[in-house]
Amino acid sequence: VCSATHTVFSQTLPKFTTHPSSEAVEKGTDVTLSCTIDNSDGITIQWIVNETFLHPPNGSYSLSGDSLEISDFNEALNGNYSCLATNGTWTIRSAPADVHMAFLESTYDGLKE
């Protein structure tokens, strides 16, 4: 009689519980984008803007835990922001967030004579 044992290991990828959210930002304000994952043990979070990796702290960018803080927002910082989570075995990417400077419409009633 011959028998064999077959063991299957299932590894479920973690999921993002918070994705960065799109927003229109007033010039000069500070913005915080959050990116959290359901099982963060041994996970590294990296931030990407317009398909370029950020290396904070630099310029207007800094990190606070898994959040990206952008100070003194201006038009040059407009872009699609996302985060990449990796543990060396797998990598997952969050949904992108469109963060851009808000332009306020001005009203003009014209000149009265």
N, C-alpha and C. Protein backbone atom coordinates (compact mmCIF):
# COMPACT_ATOMS: atom_id res chain seq x y z
N VAL A 1 0.85 -1.17 0.00
CA VAL A 1 0.00 0.00 0.00
C VAL A 1 0.89 1.23 0.00
N CYS A 2 0.58 2.11 -0.88
CA CYS A 2 1.34 3.35 -1.00
C CYS A 2 0.42 4.51 -0.69
N SER A 3 0.89 5.46 0.08
CA SER A 3 0.08 6.65 0.36
C SER A 3 0.95 7.89 0.26
N ALA A 4 0.32 8.98 -0.02
CA ALA A 4 1.03 10.26 -0.13
C ALA A 4 0.20 11.33 0.55
N THR A 5 0.89 12.26 1.12
CA THR A 5 0.22 13.39 1.75
C THR A 5 0.57 14.63 0.95
N HIS A 6 -0.42 15.40 0.62
CA HIS A 6 -0.24 16.64 -0.13
C HIS A 6 -0.76 17.79 0.72
N THR A 7 0.11 18.70 1.06
CA THR A 7 -0.30 19.85 1.86
C THR A 7 -0.28 21.09 0.98
N VAL A 8 -1.35 21.84 1.03
CA VAL A 8 -1.47 23.07 0.25
C VAL A 8 -1.42 24.25 1.22
N PHE A 9 -0.51 25.15 0.95
CA PHE A 9 -0.42 26.37 1.75
C PHE A 9 -1.05 27.50 0.95
N SER A 10 -1.93 28.20 1.58
CA SER A 10 -2.59 29.31 0.92
C SER A 10 -2.08 30.60 1.53
N GLN A 11 -1.53 31.45 0.70
CA GLN A 11 -1.08 32.74 1.19
C GLN A 11 -1.96 33.81 0.56
N THR A 12 -2.71 34.46 1.41
CA THR A 12 -3.59 35.52 0.94
C THR A 12 -2.83 36.84 1.04
N LEU A 13 -2.83 37.56 -0.06
CA LEU A 13 -2.18 38.86 -0.05
C LEU A 13 -2.95 39.81 0.85
N PRO A 14 -2.24 40.66 1.58
CA PRO A 14 -2.93 41.68 2.37
C PRO A 14 -3.69 42.62 1.44
N LYS A 15 -4.62 43.33 2.01
CA LYS A 15 -5.41 44.30 1.25
C LYS A 15 -5.25 45.67 1.87
N PHE A 16 -5.36 46.68 1.03
CA PHE A 16 -5.36 48.04 1.54
C PHE A 16 -6.68 48.30 2.25
N THR A 17 -6.59 48.82 3.46
CA THR A 17 -7.79 49.22 4.18
C THR A 17 -8.06 50.71 3.99
N THR A 18 -7.02 51.45 3.63
CA THR A 18 -7.15 52.86 3.29
C THR A 18 -6.30 53.15 2.07
N HIS A 19 -6.92 53.71 1.05
CA HIS A 19 -6.20 54.16 -0.13
C HIS A 19 -6.07 55.67 -0.05
N PRO A 20 -5.05 56.25 -0.68
CA PRO A 20 -5.01 57.71 -0.74
C PRO A 20 -6.25 58.21 -1.49
N SER A 21 -6.78 59.36 -1.09
CA SER A 21 -8.01 59.85 -1.72
C SER A 21 -7.74 61.10 -2.55
N SER A 22 -8.46 61.17 -3.66
CA SER A 22 -8.34 62.32 -4.57
C SER A 22 -8.90 63.57 -3.89
N GLU A 23 -8.26 64.69 -4.16
CA GLU A 23 -8.77 65.93 -3.62
C GLU A 23 -8.21 67.14 -4.35
N ALA A 24 -8.98 68.21 -4.29
CA ALA A 24 -8.54 69.51 -4.80
C ALA A 24 -8.05 70.30 -3.60
N VAL A 25 -6.85 70.85 -3.71
CA VAL A 25 -6.17 71.46 -2.57
C VAL A 25 -5.92 72.94 -2.84
N GLU A 26 -6.17 73.76 -1.85
CA GLU A 26 -5.89 75.18 -1.99
C GLU A 26 -4.39 75.42 -1.90
N LYS A 27 -3.91 76.36 -2.67
CA LYS A 27 -2.49 76.69 -2.69
C LYS A 27 -2.02 77.06 -1.28
N GLY A 28 -0.86 76.51 -0.91
CA GLY A 28 -0.25 76.85 0.37
C GLY A 28 -0.72 76.00 1.54
N THR A 29 -1.70 75.13 1.35
CA THR A 29 -2.17 74.30 2.46
C THR A 29 -1.35 73.01 2.55
N ASP A 30 -1.47 72.35 3.68
CA ASP A 30 -0.79 71.07 3.89
C ASP A 30 -1.78 69.94 3.63
N VAL A 31 -1.28 68.84 3.07
CA VAL A 31 -2.11 67.70 2.70
C VAL A 31 -1.51 66.43 3.31
N THR A 32 -2.37 65.55 3.81
CA THR A 32 -1.91 64.24 4.29
C THR A 32 -2.65 63.16 3.52
N LEU A 33 -1.89 62.28 2.88
CA LEU A 33 -2.45 61.14 2.16
C LEU A 33 -2.15 59.89 2.97
N SER A 34 -3.18 59.08 3.18
CA SER A 34 -3.02 57.88 4.00
C SER A 34 -3.10 56.61 3.16
N CYS A 35 -2.35 55.63 3.60
CA CYS A 35 -2.31 54.35 2.91
C CYS A 35 -2.05 53.29 3.98
N THR A 36 -3.07 52.52 4.32
CA THR A 36 -2.88 51.49 5.34
C THR A 36 -3.26 50.13 4.77
N ILE A 37 -2.68 49.11 5.38
CA ILE A 37 -2.85 47.74 4.90
C ILE A 37 -3.32 46.89 6.08
N ASP A 38 -4.09 45.84 5.82
CA ASP A 38 -4.70 45.07 6.91
C ASP A 38 -3.71 44.26 7.74
N ASN A 39 -2.60 43.85 7.19
CA ASN A 39 -1.59 43.13 7.96
C ASN A 39 -0.25 43.75 7.61
N SER A 40 0.20 44.68 8.43
CA SER A 40 1.39 45.46 8.07
C SER A 40 2.70 44.91 8.62
N ASP A 41 2.68 43.71 9.21
CA ASP A 41 3.92 43.14 9.75
C ASP A 41 4.95 42.93 8.64
N GLY A 42 6.11 43.53 8.79
CA GLY A 42 7.20 43.35 7.84
C GLY A 42 7.00 44.01 6.49
N ILE A 43 6.04 44.91 6.40
CA ILE A 43 5.72 45.55 5.12
C ILE A 43 6.35 46.93 5.04
N THR A 44 6.90 47.23 3.88
CA THR A 44 7.45 48.54 3.60
C THR A 44 6.50 49.26 2.65
N ILE A 45 6.20 50.51 2.97
CA ILE A 45 5.35 51.34 2.11
C ILE A 45 6.23 52.36 1.40
N GLN A 46 6.06 52.44 0.08
CA GLN A 46 6.74 53.46 -0.72
C GLN A 46 5.68 54.28 -1.43
N TRP A 47 5.96 55.56 -1.62
CA TRP A 47 5.02 56.46 -2.28
C TRP A 47 5.49 56.77 -3.69
N ILE A 48 4.52 56.88 -4.60
CA ILE A 48 4.78 57.15 -6.01
C ILE A 48 3.92 58.33 -6.43
N VAL A 49 4.51 59.27 -7.16
CA VAL A 49 3.74 60.36 -7.76
C VAL A 49 4.09 60.41 -9.24
N ASN A 50 3.07 60.39 -10.08
CA ASN A 50 3.25 60.43 -11.54
C ASN A 50 4.28 59.40 -12.01
N GLU A 51 4.17 58.17 -11.48
CA GLU A 51 5.02 57.03 -11.85
C GLU A 51 6.50 57.21 -11.45
N THR A 52 6.77 58.11 -10.49
CA THR A 52 8.13 58.31 -9.98
C THR A 52 8.13 58.06 -8.48
N PHE A 53 9.07 57.24 -8.00
CA PHE A 53 9.17 56.99 -6.56
C PHE A 53 9.62 58.25 -5.84
N LEU A 54 8.97 58.52 -4.71
CA LEU A 54 9.37 59.64 -3.85
C LEU A 54 10.36 59.11 -2.82
N HIS A 55 11.25 59.97 -2.38
CA HIS A 55 12.22 59.60 -1.35
C HIS A 55 12.20 60.64 -0.24
N PRO A 56 11.07 60.70 0.51
CA PRO A 56 10.98 61.68 1.58
C PRO A 56 11.91 61.32 2.73
N PRO A 57 12.31 62.27 3.54
CA PRO A 57 11.92 63.67 3.43
C PRO A 57 12.74 64.39 2.38
N ASN A 58 12.06 65.14 1.56
CA ASN A 58 12.71 66.03 0.60
C ASN A 58 11.71 67.07 0.15
N GLY A 59 12.15 68.27 -0.01
CA GLY A 59 11.27 69.34 -0.46
C GLY A 59 10.01 69.43 0.37
N SER A 60 8.88 69.31 -0.29
CA SER A 60 7.58 69.43 0.37
C SER A 60 7.08 68.13 0.96
N TYR A 61 7.81 67.03 0.77
CA TYR A 61 7.33 65.71 1.19
C TYR A 61 7.99 65.23 2.47
N SER A 62 7.18 64.64 3.36
CA SER A 62 7.70 63.97 4.55
C SER A 62 6.77 62.80 4.88
N LEU A 63 7.26 61.88 5.69
CA LEU A 63 6.47 60.71 6.08
C LEU A 63 6.08 60.79 7.54
N SER A 64 4.89 60.28 7.83
CA SER A 64 4.43 60.13 9.20
C SER A 64 3.75 58.76 9.26
N GLY A 65 4.45 57.75 9.72
CA GLY A 65 3.93 56.40 9.67
C GLY A 65 3.76 55.97 8.22
N ASP A 66 2.56 55.51 7.87
CA ASP A 66 2.28 55.12 6.49
C ASP A 66 1.65 56.26 5.69
N SER A 67 1.64 57.46 6.24
CA SER A 67 1.05 58.61 5.57
C SER A 67 2.12 59.49 4.93
N LEU A 68 1.75 60.08 3.81
CA LEU A 68 2.61 61.04 3.13
C LEU A 68 2.09 62.42 3.43
N GLU A 69 2.95 63.28 3.95
CA GLU A 69 2.57 64.65 4.25
C GLU A 69 3.20 65.57 3.20
N ILE A 70 2.36 66.41 2.63
CA ILE A 70 2.81 67.37 1.62
C ILE A 70 2.57 68.75 2.20
N SER A 71 3.64 69.53 2.34
CA SER A 71 3.49 70.86 2.92
C SER A 71 3.52 71.93 1.83
N ASP A 72 2.80 73.01 2.11
CA ASP A 72 2.78 74.18 1.22
C ASP A 72 2.45 73.78 -0.22
N PHE A 73 1.30 73.13 -0.41
CA PHE A 73 0.92 72.60 -1.72
C PHE A 73 0.89 73.71 -2.77
N ASN A 74 1.41 73.37 -3.96
CA ASN A 74 1.37 74.29 -5.08
C ASN A 74 1.18 73.50 -6.37
N GLU A 75 1.00 74.20 -7.46
CA GLU A 75 0.67 73.56 -8.74
C GLU A 75 1.72 72.54 -9.19
N ALA A 76 2.98 72.75 -8.83
CA ALA A 76 4.05 71.83 -9.22
C ALA A 76 3.88 70.46 -8.56
N LEU A 77 3.08 70.37 -7.50
CA LEU A 77 2.88 69.11 -6.78
C LEU A 77 1.64 68.36 -7.26
N ASN A 78 0.92 68.91 -8.25
CA ASN A 78 -0.23 68.21 -8.83
C ASN A 78 0.20 66.83 -9.31
N GLY A 79 -0.67 65.84 -9.16
CA GLY A 79 -0.31 64.54 -9.71
C GLY A 79 -1.17 63.40 -9.23
N ASN A 80 -0.83 62.22 -9.73
CA ASN A 80 -1.46 60.97 -9.31
C ASN A 80 -0.56 60.31 -8.28
N TYR A 81 -1.07 60.19 -7.07
CA TYR A 81 -0.31 59.64 -5.95
C TYR A 81 -0.83 58.24 -5.63
N SER A 82 0.08 57.32 -5.39
CA SER A 82 -0.30 55.97 -4.95
C SER A 82 0.80 55.43 -4.05
N CYS A 83 0.50 54.35 -3.36
CA CYS A 83 1.52 53.74 -2.52
C CYS A 83 1.72 52.29 -2.92
N LEU A 84 2.92 51.83 -2.67
CA LEU A 84 3.33 50.47 -3.01
C LEU A 84 3.69 49.79 -1.70
N ALA A 85 3.09 48.63 -1.45
CA ALA A 85 3.39 47.86 -0.24
C ALA A 85 4.13 46.60 -0.66
N THR A 86 5.22 46.31 0.04
CA THR A 86 6.00 45.12 -0.29
C THR A 86 6.58 44.50 0.98
N ASN A 87 6.80 43.19 0.93
CA ASN A 87 7.48 42.52 2.04
C ASN A 87 8.66 41.69 1.55
N GLY A 88 9.07 41.88 0.30
CA GLY A 88 10.17 41.12 -0.27
C GLY A 88 9.72 39.93 -1.09
N THR A 89 8.53 39.41 -0.81
CA THR A 89 7.98 38.29 -1.55
C THR A 89 6.94 38.75 -2.56
N TRP A 90 6.13 39.69 -2.15
CA TRP A 90 5.07 40.20 -3.01
C TRP A 90 5.03 41.72 -2.93
N THR A 91 4.36 42.32 -3.90
CA THR A 91 4.18 43.77 -3.95
C THR A 91 2.76 44.05 -4.43
N ILE A 92 2.07 44.95 -3.74
CA ILE A 92 0.75 45.40 -4.20
C ILE A 92 0.73 46.92 -4.23
N ARG A 93 -0.11 47.46 -5.11
CA ARG A 93 -0.18 48.90 -5.29
C ARG A 93 -1.59 49.39 -5.02
N SER A 94 -1.69 50.53 -4.36
CA SER A 94 -3.00 51.11 -4.05
C SER A 94 -3.62 51.73 -5.30
N ALA A 95 -4.89 52.03 -5.19
CA ALA A 95 -5.55 52.80 -6.23
C ALA A 95 -4.93 54.21 -6.23
N PRO A 96 -4.83 54.84 -7.40
CA PRO A 96 -4.24 56.18 -7.44
C PRO A 96 -5.20 57.25 -6.95
N ALA A 97 -4.63 58.33 -6.47
CA ALA A 97 -5.41 59.50 -6.05
C ALA A 97 -4.96 60.69 -6.88
N ASP A 98 -5.91 61.40 -7.45
CA ASP A 98 -5.61 62.61 -8.20
C ASP A 98 -5.64 63.78 -7.23
N VAL A 99 -4.48 64.33 -6.95
CA VAL A 99 -4.38 65.45 -6.03
C VAL A 99 -3.90 66.65 -6.85
N HIS A 100 -4.69 67.69 -6.83
CA HIS A 100 -4.35 68.85 -7.66
C HIS A 100 -4.78 70.14 -6.96
N MET A 101 -4.17 71.22 -7.40
CA MET A 101 -4.47 72.52 -6.81
C MET A 101 -5.83 72.99 -7.29
N ALA A 102 -6.62 73.46 -6.35
CA ALA A 102 -7.95 73.96 -6.68
C ALA A 102 -7.83 75.39 -7.19
N PHE A 103 -8.58 75.68 -8.19
CA PHE A 103 -8.64 77.04 -8.71
C PHE A 103 -10.02 77.58 -8.39
N LEU A 104 -10.05 78.70 -7.69
CA LEU A 104 -11.32 79.30 -7.34
C LEU A 104 -11.77 80.21 -8.46
N GLU A 105 -13.04 80.07 -8.82
CA GLU A 105 -13.57 80.93 -9.86
C GLU A 105 -13.88 82.28 -9.24
N SER A 106 -13.50 83.31 -9.95
CA SER A 106 -13.83 84.64 -9.47
C SER A 106 -15.04 85.14 -10.24
N THR A 107 -15.84 85.92 -9.59
CA THR A 107 -17.00 86.48 -10.25
C THR A 107 -16.72 87.94 -10.55
N TYR A 108 -17.26 88.39 -11.65
CA TYR A 108 -17.03 89.76 -12.07
C TYR A 108 -18.37 90.32 -12.53
N ASP A 109 -18.83 91.30 -11.83
CA ASP A 109 -20.12 91.89 -12.17
C ASP A 109 -19.98 93.00 -13.21
N GLY A 110 -18.79 93.38 -13.50
CA GLY A 110 -18.59 94.48 -14.44
C GLY A 110 -18.54 95.81 -13.69
N LEU A 111 -18.18 96.80 -14.39
CA LEU A 111 -18.09 98.14 -13.80
C LEU A 111 -19.41 98.88 -13.96
N LYS A 112 -19.80 99.57 -12.92
CA LYS A 112 -21.00 100.39 -13.01
C LYS A 112 -20.57 101.84 -13.19
N GLU A 113 -21.27 102.51 -14.05
CA GLU A 113 -20.95 103.93 -14.26
C GLU A 113 -21.81 104.80 -13.41
